């Protein structure tokens, strides 16, 4: 049993490495750096960094982030915080897929694309990231590109964040959050912002490679 478990872990690591190299090449293409070659990649990012901050679905992230005016690093951070890059993740509240979208939210977003919502579609990475990026872009525009407010709204809902912004105990200026109520929400937002800084550095390293 232990040997089988080790073999499975080794296979997962190998698959993750293969996805990593493919993903970074996509980033290079997206940034117009395809001619620089992949020889520098192993020097730029360690395996430990890769395990902590996966670079999976990068082509989908870059494409949809660009369409919604988002930074790919921010989308990547939300995915890591929401599902740890598990496309089959389901929360206690039935939020589904990589960006943990509730079916009712997914149906609402599908309408924005003039599409019919199909049950189970949120487990498809392409659909989930497209819907999640649209919603994240919607929140960023609503909160003037404030990642702290947008991340809080992604986690706790727009109505909750709007209420905090009206309360001087949470917001001094009514536009930014000084305090986030609740340990879960505060931890989530801080985690997203921390992940964003890491992913931003990773993406910049690839641009400079």
N, C-alpha and C. Protein backbone atom coordinates (compact mmCIF):
# COMPACT_ATOMS: atom_id res chain seq x y z
N UNK A 1 0.83 -1.20 0.00
CA UNK A 1 0.00 0.00 0.00
C UNK A 1 0.87 1.26 0.00
N UNK A 2 1.93 1.26 0.83
CA UNK A 2 2.80 2.42 0.89
C UNK A 2 3.51 2.65 -0.44
N UNK A 3 3.96 1.52 -1.07
CA UNK A 3 4.63 1.66 -2.36
C UNK A 3 3.68 2.20 -3.41
N UNK A 4 2.44 1.71 -3.40
CA UNK A 4 1.46 2.21 -4.37
C UNK A 4 1.17 3.68 -4.15
N UNK A 5 1.10 4.07 -2.88
CA UNK A 5 0.84 5.47 -2.57
C UNK A 5 2.00 6.35 -3.05
N UNK A 6 3.25 5.87 -2.84
CA UNK A 6 4.40 6.63 -3.29
C UNK A 6 4.42 6.75 -4.80
N UNK A 7 4.07 5.64 -5.48
CA UNK A 7 4.03 5.68 -6.94
C UNK A 7 3.00 6.68 -7.45
N UNK A 8 1.85 6.74 -6.78
CA UNK A 8 0.82 7.69 -7.17
C UNK A 8 1.30 9.12 -6.97
N UNK A 9 1.96 9.37 -5.84
CA UNK A 9 2.48 10.71 -5.59
C UNK A 9 3.54 11.08 -6.61
N UNK A 10 4.42 10.11 -6.96
CA UNK A 10 5.44 10.38 -7.96
C UNK A 10 4.82 10.70 -9.32
N UNK A 11 3.77 9.94 -9.65
CA UNK A 11 3.09 10.17 -10.93
C UNK A 11 2.43 11.54 -10.96
N UNK A 12 1.83 11.94 -9.81
CA UNK A 12 1.20 13.26 -9.74
C UNK A 12 2.24 14.35 -9.91
N UNK A 13 3.41 14.18 -9.27
CA UNK A 13 4.46 15.18 -9.41
C UNK A 13 4.93 15.29 -10.85
N UNK A 14 5.07 14.15 -11.51
CA UNK A 14 5.52 14.18 -12.91
C UNK A 14 4.49 14.85 -13.80
N UNK A 15 3.21 14.55 -13.56
CA UNK A 15 2.17 15.20 -14.36
C UNK A 15 2.15 16.70 -14.10
N UNK A 16 2.34 17.07 -12.84
CA UNK A 16 2.33 18.49 -12.50
C UNK A 16 3.50 19.21 -13.14
N UNK A 17 4.68 18.57 -13.16
CA UNK A 17 5.84 19.17 -13.82
C UNK A 17 5.57 19.38 -15.30
N UNK A 18 4.99 18.35 -15.94
CA UNK A 18 4.70 18.46 -17.37
C UNK A 18 3.71 19.59 -17.63
N UNK A 19 2.67 19.70 -16.78
CA UNK A 19 1.70 20.78 -16.95
C UNK A 19 2.36 22.13 -16.71
N UNK A 20 3.29 22.16 -15.76
CA UNK A 20 3.98 23.40 -15.44
C UNK A 20 4.76 23.94 -16.65
N UNK A 21 5.54 23.07 -17.28
CA UNK A 21 6.33 23.52 -18.41
C UNK A 21 5.44 23.96 -19.57
N UNK A 22 4.35 23.24 -19.78
CA UNK A 22 3.42 23.65 -20.84
C UNK A 22 2.80 25.00 -20.50
N UNK A 23 2.44 25.17 -19.22
CA UNK A 23 1.78 26.42 -18.80
C UNK A 23 2.71 27.61 -18.95
N UNK A 24 3.97 27.45 -18.58
CA UNK A 24 4.89 28.58 -18.68
C UNK A 24 5.14 28.97 -20.13
N UNK A 25 5.18 27.97 -21.00
CA UNK A 25 5.33 28.28 -22.42
C UNK A 25 4.15 29.09 -22.92
N UNK A 26 2.96 28.76 -22.41
CA UNK A 26 1.77 29.53 -22.79
C UNK A 26 1.90 30.97 -22.33
N UNK A 27 2.39 31.16 -21.09
CA UNK A 27 2.59 32.52 -20.57
C UNK A 27 3.56 33.29 -21.48
N UNK A 28 4.63 32.63 -21.86
CA UNK A 28 5.60 33.28 -22.72
C UNK A 28 4.99 33.68 -24.06
N UNK A 29 4.16 32.79 -24.60
CA UNK A 29 3.48 33.11 -25.85
C UNK A 29 2.54 34.29 -25.67
N UNK A 30 1.79 34.27 -24.56
CA UNK A 30 0.82 35.34 -24.31
C UNK A 30 1.51 36.68 -24.17
N UNK A 31 2.73 36.69 -23.66
CA UNK A 31 3.46 37.94 -23.45
C UNK A 31 4.37 38.28 -24.63
N UNK A 32 4.27 37.51 -25.70
CA UNK A 32 5.08 37.78 -26.88
C UNK A 32 6.53 37.41 -26.73
N UNK A 33 6.81 36.40 -25.86
CA UNK A 33 8.19 36.03 -25.58
C UNK A 33 8.50 34.61 -26.01
N UNK A 34 7.79 34.13 -27.00
CA UNK A 34 7.92 32.73 -27.40
C UNK A 34 9.34 32.38 -27.83
N UNK A 35 10.07 33.34 -28.36
CA UNK A 35 11.39 33.04 -28.89
C UNK A 35 12.48 32.92 -27.85
N UNK A 36 12.16 33.15 -26.61
CA UNK A 36 13.21 33.16 -25.58
C UNK A 36 13.63 31.76 -25.16
N UNK A 37 12.76 30.77 -25.43
CA UNK A 37 13.13 29.40 -25.10
C UNK A 37 12.78 29.01 -23.69
N UNK A 38 12.75 27.70 -23.46
CA UNK A 38 12.33 27.19 -22.15
C UNK A 38 13.51 26.76 -21.30
N UNK A 39 14.74 26.96 -21.77
CA UNK A 39 15.89 26.45 -21.05
C UNK A 39 16.07 27.12 -19.69
N UNK A 40 15.58 28.36 -19.53
CA UNK A 40 15.77 29.08 -18.28
C UNK A 40 14.75 28.75 -17.22
N UNK A 41 13.73 27.99 -17.56
CA UNK A 41 12.61 27.82 -16.64
C UNK A 41 12.99 27.13 -15.34
N UNK A 42 13.80 26.09 -15.43
CA UNK A 42 14.15 25.37 -14.22
C UNK A 42 14.98 26.22 -13.28
N UNK A 43 15.69 27.22 -13.82
CA UNK A 43 16.48 28.12 -12.97
C UNK A 43 15.60 29.16 -12.29
N UNK A 44 14.47 29.47 -12.89
CA UNK A 44 13.64 30.57 -12.41
C UNK A 44 12.68 30.13 -11.30
N UNK A 45 12.17 28.93 -11.40
CA UNK A 45 11.20 28.48 -10.41
C UNK A 45 11.62 27.12 -9.87
N UNK A 46 11.66 26.98 -8.58
CA UNK A 46 12.01 25.71 -7.98
C UNK A 46 10.80 24.80 -7.93
N UNK A 47 11.06 23.53 -7.77
CA UNK A 47 9.97 22.56 -7.65
C UNK A 47 9.12 22.87 -6.41
N UNK A 48 9.77 23.34 -5.35
CA UNK A 48 9.03 23.69 -4.13
C UNK A 48 8.04 24.80 -4.40
N UNK A 49 8.48 25.83 -5.15
CA UNK A 49 7.57 26.92 -5.51
C UNK A 49 6.41 26.41 -6.34
N UNK A 50 6.70 25.51 -7.27
CA UNK A 50 5.67 24.95 -8.13
C UNK A 50 4.63 24.19 -7.32
N UNK A 51 5.07 23.45 -6.32
CA UNK A 51 4.13 22.69 -5.51
C UNK A 51 3.24 23.61 -4.68
N UNK A 52 3.78 24.74 -4.24
CA UNK A 52 3.00 25.68 -3.45
C UNK A 52 2.07 26.53 -4.31
N UNK A 53 2.56 26.90 -5.48
CA UNK A 53 1.81 27.80 -6.36
C UNK A 53 1.72 27.21 -7.77
N UNK A 54 0.78 26.29 -7.97
CA UNK A 54 0.69 25.59 -9.26
C UNK A 54 0.45 26.56 -10.42
N UNK A 55 0.96 26.17 -11.57
CA UNK A 55 0.72 26.92 -12.80
C UNK A 55 -0.05 26.03 -13.77
N UNK A 56 -1.24 25.69 -13.36
CA UNK A 56 -2.12 24.89 -14.20
C UNK A 56 -3.20 25.78 -14.82
N UNK A 57 -3.72 25.34 -15.96
CA UNK A 57 -4.79 26.05 -16.67
C UNK A 57 -4.38 27.48 -17.02
N UNK A 58 -3.08 27.69 -17.21
CA UNK A 58 -2.58 29.04 -17.42
C UNK A 58 -3.11 29.67 -18.70
N UNK A 59 -3.28 28.84 -19.74
CA UNK A 59 -3.80 29.39 -21.00
C UNK A 59 -5.21 29.93 -20.81
N UNK A 60 -6.04 29.19 -20.08
CA UNK A 60 -7.41 29.64 -19.81
C UNK A 60 -7.42 30.87 -18.92
N UNK A 61 -6.54 30.88 -17.93
CA UNK A 61 -6.48 32.02 -17.01
C UNK A 61 -6.06 33.28 -17.76
N UNK A 62 -5.00 33.18 -18.57
CA UNK A 62 -4.51 34.36 -19.29
C UNK A 62 -5.55 34.89 -20.26
N UNK A 63 -6.16 34.00 -21.00
CA UNK A 63 -7.15 34.42 -22.00
C UNK A 63 -8.33 35.12 -21.36
N UNK A 64 -8.92 34.49 -20.34
CA UNK A 64 -10.12 35.04 -19.73
C UNK A 64 -9.82 36.26 -18.85
N UNK A 65 -8.65 36.27 -18.21
CA UNK A 65 -8.26 37.45 -17.43
C UNK A 65 -8.11 38.64 -18.35
N UNK A 66 -7.47 38.43 -19.48
CA UNK A 66 -7.29 39.53 -20.44
C UNK A 66 -8.63 40.07 -20.93
N UNK A 67 -9.56 39.18 -21.20
CA UNK A 67 -10.88 39.60 -21.70
C UNK A 67 -11.65 40.40 -20.66
N UNK A 68 -11.40 40.14 -19.39
CA UNK A 68 -12.13 40.83 -18.32
C UNK A 68 -11.31 41.94 -17.67
N UNK A 69 -10.15 42.25 -18.23
CA UNK A 69 -9.34 43.33 -17.68
C UNK A 69 -8.72 42.99 -16.35
N UNK A 70 -8.43 41.71 -16.12
CA UNK A 70 -7.87 41.25 -14.85
C UNK A 70 -6.41 40.87 -15.02
N UNK A 71 -5.68 40.85 -13.92
CA UNK A 71 -4.33 40.32 -13.91
C UNK A 71 -4.41 38.81 -13.76
N UNK A 72 -3.74 38.06 -14.62
CA UNK A 72 -3.75 36.60 -14.47
C UNK A 72 -3.30 36.14 -13.08
N UNK A 73 -2.36 36.86 -12.50
CA UNK A 73 -1.87 36.49 -11.16
C UNK A 73 -2.97 36.57 -10.12
N UNK A 74 -3.88 37.52 -10.28
CA UNK A 74 -4.99 37.65 -9.32
C UNK A 74 -5.96 36.49 -9.49
N UNK A 75 -6.27 36.14 -10.72
CA UNK A 75 -7.15 35.00 -10.98
C UNK A 75 -6.53 33.72 -10.43
N UNK A 76 -5.24 33.54 -10.67
CA UNK A 76 -4.54 32.36 -10.18
C UNK A 76 -4.61 32.29 -8.65
N UNK A 77 -4.48 33.45 -8.00
CA UNK A 77 -4.53 33.49 -6.53
C UNK A 77 -5.91 33.09 -6.01
N UNK A 78 -6.96 33.55 -6.68
CA UNK A 78 -8.32 33.20 -6.26
C UNK A 78 -8.56 31.70 -6.43
N UNK A 79 -8.09 31.14 -7.53
CA UNK A 79 -8.26 29.70 -7.76
C UNK A 79 -7.54 28.90 -6.67
N UNK A 80 -6.33 29.31 -6.33
CA UNK A 80 -5.59 28.60 -5.29
C UNK A 80 -6.32 28.68 -3.95
N UNK A 81 -6.82 29.86 -3.61
CA UNK A 81 -7.53 30.04 -2.34
C UNK A 81 -8.85 29.28 -2.32
N UNK A 82 -9.51 29.22 -3.46
CA UNK A 82 -10.85 28.62 -3.51
C UNK A 82 -10.81 27.09 -3.55
N UNK A 83 -9.97 26.53 -4.40
CA UNK A 83 -10.05 25.08 -4.64
C UNK A 83 -8.72 24.36 -4.65
N UNK A 84 -7.61 25.09 -4.47
CA UNK A 84 -6.27 24.50 -4.60
C UNK A 84 -6.12 23.80 -5.94
N UNK A 85 -6.75 24.38 -6.97
CA UNK A 85 -6.65 23.90 -8.34
C UNK A 85 -7.28 22.51 -8.54
N UNK A 86 -8.29 22.22 -7.76
CA UNK A 86 -9.03 20.96 -7.94
C UNK A 86 -10.31 21.26 -8.71
N UNK A 87 -10.41 20.84 -9.98
CA UNK A 87 -11.59 21.17 -10.79
C UNK A 87 -12.86 20.46 -10.33
N UNK A 88 -12.71 19.46 -9.46
CA UNK A 88 -13.87 18.70 -8.98
C UNK A 88 -14.28 19.10 -7.56
N UNK A 89 -13.70 20.16 -7.04
CA UNK A 89 -13.98 20.58 -5.67
C UNK A 89 -15.44 21.00 -5.50
N UNK A 90 -16.01 20.63 -4.36
CA UNK A 90 -17.38 21.01 -4.00
C UNK A 90 -17.37 21.44 -2.54
N UNK A 91 -17.91 22.61 -2.25
CA UNK A 91 -17.92 23.11 -0.88
C UNK A 91 -19.17 22.63 -0.14
N UNK A 92 -19.23 22.94 1.13
CA UNK A 92 -20.42 22.58 1.92
C UNK A 92 -21.67 23.28 1.41
N UNK A 93 -21.48 24.45 0.78
CA UNK A 93 -22.61 25.21 0.23
C UNK A 93 -22.89 24.86 -1.22
N UNK A 94 -22.17 23.85 -1.74
CA UNK A 94 -22.33 23.38 -3.13
C UNK A 94 -21.69 24.31 -4.15
N UNK A 95 -20.73 25.14 -3.73
CA UNK A 95 -19.93 25.87 -4.70
C UNK A 95 -19.05 24.86 -5.42
N UNK A 96 -18.88 25.04 -6.72
CA UNK A 96 -18.31 23.98 -7.53
C UNK A 96 -17.12 24.44 -8.37
N UNK A 97 -16.19 23.52 -8.56
CA UNK A 97 -15.11 23.71 -9.51
C UNK A 97 -13.97 24.58 -9.03
N UNK A 98 -13.12 24.95 -9.97
CA UNK A 98 -11.87 25.65 -9.66
C UNK A 98 -12.08 26.95 -8.91
N UNK A 99 -13.06 27.75 -9.34
CA UNK A 99 -13.29 29.05 -8.72
C UNK A 99 -14.48 29.02 -7.78
N UNK A 100 -14.96 27.81 -7.46
CA UNK A 100 -16.00 27.60 -6.44
C UNK A 100 -17.21 28.51 -6.66
N UNK A 101 -17.89 28.27 -7.77
CA UNK A 101 -19.06 29.06 -8.15
C UNK A 101 -20.32 28.30 -7.77
N UNK A 102 -21.24 28.98 -7.12
CA UNK A 102 -22.53 28.37 -6.80
C UNK A 102 -23.34 28.18 -8.07
N UNK A 103 -24.11 27.10 -8.19
CA UNK A 103 -24.91 26.90 -9.39
C UNK A 103 -25.83 28.07 -9.73
N UNK A 104 -26.44 28.69 -8.71
CA UNK A 104 -27.32 29.82 -8.99
C UNK A 104 -26.53 31.03 -9.52
N UNK A 105 -25.32 31.20 -9.01
CA UNK A 105 -24.46 32.26 -9.55
C UNK A 105 -24.03 31.93 -10.96
N UNK A 106 -23.72 30.66 -11.18
CA UNK A 106 -23.35 30.21 -12.52
C UNK A 106 -24.46 30.45 -13.53
N UNK A 107 -25.70 30.20 -13.11
CA UNK A 107 -26.85 30.42 -14.00
C UNK A 107 -27.00 31.90 -14.32
N UNK A 108 -26.77 32.74 -13.33
CA UNK A 108 -26.84 34.20 -13.54
C UNK A 108 -25.76 34.65 -14.52
N UNK A 109 -24.54 34.15 -14.32
CA UNK A 109 -23.44 34.52 -15.21
C UNK A 109 -23.68 33.99 -16.62
N UNK A 110 -24.20 32.78 -16.73
CA UNK A 110 -24.49 32.21 -18.05
C UNK A 110 -25.42 33.14 -18.82
N UNK A 111 -26.37 33.74 -18.13
CA UNK A 111 -27.28 34.68 -18.77
C UNK A 111 -26.56 35.89 -19.32
N UNK A 112 -25.48 36.30 -18.66
CA UNK A 112 -24.71 37.44 -19.14
C UNK A 112 -24.01 37.11 -20.46
N UNK A 113 -23.76 35.84 -20.69
CA UNK A 113 -23.15 35.39 -21.93
C UNK A 113 -24.22 34.94 -22.95
N UNK A 114 -25.49 35.15 -22.59
CA UNK A 114 -26.60 34.69 -23.44
C UNK A 114 -26.52 33.19 -23.68
N UNK A 115 -26.18 32.48 -22.62
CA UNK A 115 -26.08 31.03 -22.68
C UNK A 115 -27.08 30.40 -21.72
N UNK A 116 -27.44 29.17 -22.00
CA UNK A 116 -28.28 28.40 -21.08
C UNK A 116 -27.36 27.69 -20.09
N UNK A 117 -27.70 27.78 -18.82
CA UNK A 117 -26.89 27.10 -17.81
C UNK A 117 -27.15 25.60 -17.88
N UNK A 118 -26.08 24.82 -17.90
CA UNK A 118 -26.17 23.36 -17.97
C UNK A 118 -25.65 22.80 -16.65
N UNK A 119 -26.45 22.00 -15.99
CA UNK A 119 -26.04 21.42 -14.72
C UNK A 119 -24.74 20.64 -14.88
N UNK A 120 -23.81 20.87 -14.00
CA UNK A 120 -22.52 20.19 -14.03
C UNK A 120 -21.46 20.92 -14.82
N UNK A 121 -21.83 22.02 -15.51
CA UNK A 121 -20.85 22.72 -16.36
C UNK A 121 -19.75 23.37 -15.55
N UNK A 122 -19.99 23.63 -14.27
CA UNK A 122 -18.98 24.31 -13.46
C UNK A 122 -17.79 23.41 -13.14
N UNK A 123 -17.92 22.13 -13.43
CA UNK A 123 -16.78 21.23 -13.24
C UNK A 123 -15.88 21.21 -14.47
N UNK A 124 -16.30 21.86 -15.53
CA UNK A 124 -15.46 22.01 -16.72
C UNK A 124 -14.54 23.21 -16.50
N UNK A 125 -13.23 23.01 -16.48
CA UNK A 125 -12.31 24.13 -16.19
C UNK A 125 -12.51 25.33 -17.10
N UNK A 126 -12.74 25.10 -18.38
CA UNK A 126 -12.89 26.22 -19.31
C UNK A 126 -14.11 27.07 -18.95
N UNK A 127 -15.22 26.41 -18.66
CA UNK A 127 -16.44 27.14 -18.30
C UNK A 127 -16.29 27.81 -16.94
N UNK A 128 -15.73 27.09 -15.99
CA UNK A 128 -15.59 27.62 -14.64
C UNK A 128 -14.71 28.86 -14.62
N UNK A 129 -13.58 28.80 -15.30
CA UNK A 129 -12.67 29.95 -15.31
C UNK A 129 -13.29 31.12 -16.08
N UNK A 130 -13.99 30.83 -17.16
CA UNK A 130 -14.63 31.91 -17.92
C UNK A 130 -15.69 32.60 -17.08
N UNK A 131 -16.54 31.82 -16.39
CA UNK A 131 -17.57 32.41 -15.54
C UNK A 131 -16.94 33.11 -14.33
N UNK A 132 -15.94 32.47 -13.73
CA UNK A 132 -15.30 33.05 -12.56
C UNK A 132 -14.59 34.35 -12.87
N UNK A 133 -13.93 34.42 -14.02
CA UNK A 133 -13.26 35.66 -14.42
C UNK A 133 -14.28 36.76 -14.70
N UNK A 134 -15.38 36.39 -15.31
CA UNK A 134 -16.40 37.41 -15.55
C UNK A 134 -16.88 38.00 -14.22
N UNK A 135 -17.16 37.12 -13.26
CA UNK A 135 -17.67 37.60 -11.98
C UNK A 135 -16.61 38.40 -11.23
N UNK A 136 -15.37 37.95 -11.28
CA UNK A 136 -14.29 38.68 -10.61
C UNK A 136 -14.09 40.04 -11.27
N UNK A 137 -14.19 40.08 -12.60
CA UNK A 137 -14.09 41.37 -13.29
C UNK A 137 -15.23 42.30 -12.94
N UNK A 138 -16.42 41.73 -12.82
CA UNK A 138 -17.59 42.50 -12.41
C UNK A 138 -17.37 43.13 -11.04
N UNK A 139 -16.82 42.35 -10.11
CA UNK A 139 -16.57 42.85 -8.76
C UNK A 139 -15.47 43.91 -8.75
N UNK A 140 -14.43 43.70 -9.53
CA UNK A 140 -13.35 44.68 -9.59
C UNK A 140 -13.85 46.02 -10.14
N UNK A 141 -14.71 45.96 -11.12
CA UNK A 141 -15.27 47.22 -11.64
C UNK A 141 -16.20 47.87 -10.62
N UNK A 142 -16.94 47.05 -9.91
CA UNK A 142 -17.87 47.57 -8.90
C UNK A 142 -17.14 48.25 -7.76
N UNK A 143 -15.98 47.71 -7.39
CA UNK A 143 -15.24 48.23 -6.25
C UNK A 143 -13.96 48.97 -6.67
N UNK A 144 -14.00 49.57 -7.86
CA UNK A 144 -12.91 50.44 -8.32
C UNK A 144 -11.54 49.77 -8.28
N UNK A 145 -11.49 48.52 -8.72
CA UNK A 145 -10.23 47.77 -8.81
C UNK A 145 -9.56 47.54 -7.46
N UNK A 146 -10.34 47.58 -6.40
CA UNK A 146 -9.82 47.31 -5.07
C UNK A 146 -9.86 45.79 -4.83
N UNK A 147 -8.71 45.16 -4.80
CA UNK A 147 -8.65 43.71 -4.65
C UNK A 147 -9.16 43.26 -3.29
N UNK A 148 -8.98 44.07 -2.28
CA UNK A 148 -9.42 43.70 -0.93
C UNK A 148 -10.95 43.63 -0.89
N UNK A 149 -11.62 44.65 -1.41
CA UNK A 149 -13.08 44.64 -1.44
C UNK A 149 -13.60 43.55 -2.38
N UNK A 150 -12.98 43.44 -3.54
CA UNK A 150 -13.44 42.45 -4.52
C UNK A 150 -13.28 41.03 -4.01
N UNK A 151 -12.16 40.76 -3.36
CA UNK A 151 -11.94 39.42 -2.81
C UNK A 151 -12.93 39.12 -1.69
N UNK A 152 -13.19 40.13 -0.86
CA UNK A 152 -14.16 39.95 0.22
C UNK A 152 -15.55 39.68 -0.35
N UNK A 153 -15.91 40.40 -1.42
CA UNK A 153 -17.22 40.20 -2.04
C UNK A 153 -17.30 38.84 -2.72
N UNK A 154 -16.20 38.38 -3.30
CA UNK A 154 -16.19 37.06 -3.92
C UNK A 154 -16.46 35.98 -2.87
N UNK A 155 -15.93 36.22 -1.69
CA UNK A 155 -16.09 35.23 -0.60
C UNK A 155 -17.43 35.38 0.12
N UNK A 156 -17.80 36.61 0.46
CA UNK A 156 -18.94 36.83 1.36
C UNK A 156 -20.16 37.46 0.70
N UNK A 157 -20.04 37.88 -0.56
CA UNK A 157 -21.18 38.47 -1.26
C UNK A 157 -21.11 39.98 -1.31
N UNK A 158 -21.68 40.53 -2.37
CA UNK A 158 -21.67 41.98 -2.57
C UNK A 158 -22.44 42.71 -1.48
N UNK A 159 -23.60 42.17 -1.11
CA UNK A 159 -24.42 42.81 -0.10
C UNK A 159 -23.69 42.95 1.23
N UNK A 160 -22.96 41.91 1.59
CA UNK A 160 -22.20 41.95 2.84
C UNK A 160 -21.13 43.03 2.80
N UNK A 161 -20.39 43.09 1.71
CA UNK A 161 -19.32 44.09 1.58
C UNK A 161 -19.91 45.49 1.52
N UNK A 162 -21.01 45.66 0.81
CA UNK A 162 -21.65 46.97 0.75
C UNK A 162 -22.05 47.44 2.15
N UNK A 163 -22.52 46.49 2.96
CA UNK A 163 -22.87 46.83 4.34
C UNK A 163 -21.67 47.24 5.16
N UNK A 164 -20.56 46.54 4.98
CA UNK A 164 -19.33 46.91 5.69
C UNK A 164 -18.86 48.30 5.29
N UNK A 165 -18.95 48.62 4.00
CA UNK A 165 -18.48 49.92 3.52
C UNK A 165 -19.30 51.07 4.08
N UNK A 166 -20.55 50.80 4.44
CA UNK A 166 -21.41 51.84 5.01
C UNK A 166 -21.20 52.00 6.51
N UNK A 167 -20.46 51.08 7.11
CA UNK A 167 -20.27 51.08 8.56
C UNK A 167 -18.89 51.65 8.91
N UNK A 168 -18.85 52.79 9.63
CA UNK A 168 -17.56 53.39 10.00
C UNK A 168 -16.66 52.45 10.80
N UNK A 169 -17.24 51.44 11.41
CA UNK A 169 -16.42 50.49 12.16
C UNK A 169 -15.56 49.64 11.23
N UNK A 170 -15.96 49.53 9.96
CA UNK A 170 -15.23 48.72 8.99
C UNK A 170 -14.58 49.54 7.89
N UNK A 171 -15.12 50.73 7.61
CA UNK A 171 -14.59 51.55 6.52
C UNK A 171 -14.66 53.02 6.89
N UNK A 172 -13.52 53.68 6.88
CA UNK A 172 -13.48 55.10 7.23
C UNK A 172 -13.94 55.99 6.09
N UNK A 173 -13.73 55.54 4.84
CA UNK A 173 -14.05 56.39 3.70
C UNK A 173 -15.22 55.88 2.86
N UNK A 174 -15.77 54.72 3.21
CA UNK A 174 -16.90 54.18 2.46
C UNK A 174 -16.53 53.56 1.13
N UNK A 175 -15.24 53.48 0.85
CA UNK A 175 -14.78 52.92 -0.42
C UNK A 175 -13.81 51.75 -0.25
N UNK A 176 -13.07 51.79 0.86
CA UNK A 176 -12.09 50.74 1.13
C UNK A 176 -12.38 50.13 2.50
N UNK A 177 -11.95 48.89 2.67
CA UNK A 177 -12.20 48.18 3.92
C UNK A 177 -10.98 48.28 4.83
N UNK A 178 -11.18 48.85 6.01
CA UNK A 178 -10.14 48.88 7.02
C UNK A 178 -10.17 47.60 7.85
N UNK A 179 -11.36 47.06 8.03
CA UNK A 179 -11.57 45.86 8.82
C UNK A 179 -12.53 44.95 8.05
N UNK A 180 -12.26 43.66 8.08
CA UNK A 180 -13.17 42.67 7.49
C UNK A 180 -13.75 41.85 8.63
N UNK A 181 -15.05 41.85 8.74
CA UNK A 181 -15.71 41.15 9.83
C UNK A 181 -15.63 39.64 9.62
N UNK A 182 -15.40 38.93 10.70
CA UNK A 182 -15.39 37.47 10.61
C UNK A 182 -14.02 36.92 10.30
N UNK A 183 -13.61 35.94 11.06
CA UNK A 183 -12.28 35.35 10.88
C UNK A 183 -12.14 34.69 9.53
N UNK A 184 -13.17 33.96 9.09
CA UNK A 184 -13.09 33.25 7.81
C UNK A 184 -12.88 34.20 6.65
N UNK A 185 -13.68 35.27 6.60
CA UNK A 185 -13.56 36.22 5.49
C UNK A 185 -12.22 36.94 5.53
N UNK A 186 -11.79 37.35 6.70
CA UNK A 186 -10.52 38.06 6.83
C UNK A 186 -9.36 37.16 6.43
N UNK A 187 -9.37 35.92 6.88
CA UNK A 187 -8.32 34.97 6.53
C UNK A 187 -8.30 34.72 5.03
N UNK A 188 -9.48 34.58 4.43
CA UNK A 188 -9.58 34.34 3.00
C UNK A 188 -8.98 35.49 2.21
N UNK A 189 -9.36 36.71 2.53
CA UNK A 189 -8.87 37.87 1.78
C UNK A 189 -7.36 38.00 1.92
N UNK A 190 -6.85 37.85 3.12
CA UNK A 190 -5.41 37.94 3.32
C UNK A 190 -4.67 36.85 2.55
N UNK A 191 -5.28 35.68 2.49
CA UNK A 191 -4.67 34.58 1.75
C UNK A 191 -4.63 34.89 0.25
N UNK A 192 -5.73 35.40 -0.29
CA UNK A 192 -5.76 35.75 -1.71
C UNK A 192 -4.71 36.80 -2.03
N UNK A 193 -4.60 37.82 -1.21
CA UNK A 193 -3.64 38.89 -1.46
C UNK A 193 -2.20 38.38 -1.34
N UNK A 194 -1.97 37.47 -0.42
CA UNK A 194 -0.64 36.88 -0.29
C UNK A 194 -0.32 36.04 -1.53
N UNK A 195 -1.28 35.22 -1.95
CA UNK A 195 -1.08 34.40 -3.13
C UNK A 195 -0.87 35.28 -4.37
N UNK A 196 -1.60 36.38 -4.43
CA UNK A 196 -1.47 37.28 -5.57
C UNK A 196 -0.04 37.81 -5.67
N UNK A 197 0.54 38.21 -4.55
CA UNK A 197 1.92 38.72 -4.57
C UNK A 197 2.88 37.65 -5.07
N UNK A 198 2.67 36.41 -4.65
CA UNK A 198 3.54 35.32 -5.08
C UNK A 198 3.38 35.07 -6.58
N UNK A 199 2.13 34.98 -7.02
CA UNK A 199 1.89 34.72 -8.45
C UNK A 199 2.36 35.89 -9.31
N UNK A 200 2.20 37.10 -8.83
CA UNK A 200 2.65 38.26 -9.58
C UNK A 200 4.16 38.18 -9.80
N UNK A 201 4.89 37.81 -8.76
CA UNK A 201 6.34 37.66 -8.89
C UNK A 201 6.69 36.54 -9.87
N UNK A 202 5.96 35.43 -9.80
CA UNK A 202 6.21 34.31 -10.69
C UNK A 202 5.97 34.72 -12.14
N UNK A 203 4.87 35.39 -12.40
CA UNK A 203 4.54 35.80 -13.77
C UNK A 203 5.57 36.82 -14.27
N UNK A 204 6.02 37.71 -13.40
CA UNK A 204 7.02 38.70 -13.82
C UNK A 204 8.35 38.04 -14.13
N UNK A 205 8.69 36.99 -13.39
CA UNK A 205 9.93 36.27 -13.67
C UNK A 205 9.89 35.66 -15.06
N UNK A 206 8.72 35.15 -15.44
CA UNK A 206 8.61 34.56 -16.77
C UNK A 206 8.71 35.64 -17.84
N UNK A 207 8.20 36.83 -17.54
CA UNK A 207 8.29 37.92 -18.52
C UNK A 207 9.73 38.37 -18.72
N UNK A 208 10.55 38.23 -17.67
CA UNK A 208 11.93 38.67 -17.74
C UNK A 208 12.89 37.55 -18.13
N UNK A 209 12.36 36.33 -18.26
CA UNK A 209 13.23 35.18 -18.52
C UNK A 209 13.94 35.32 -19.87
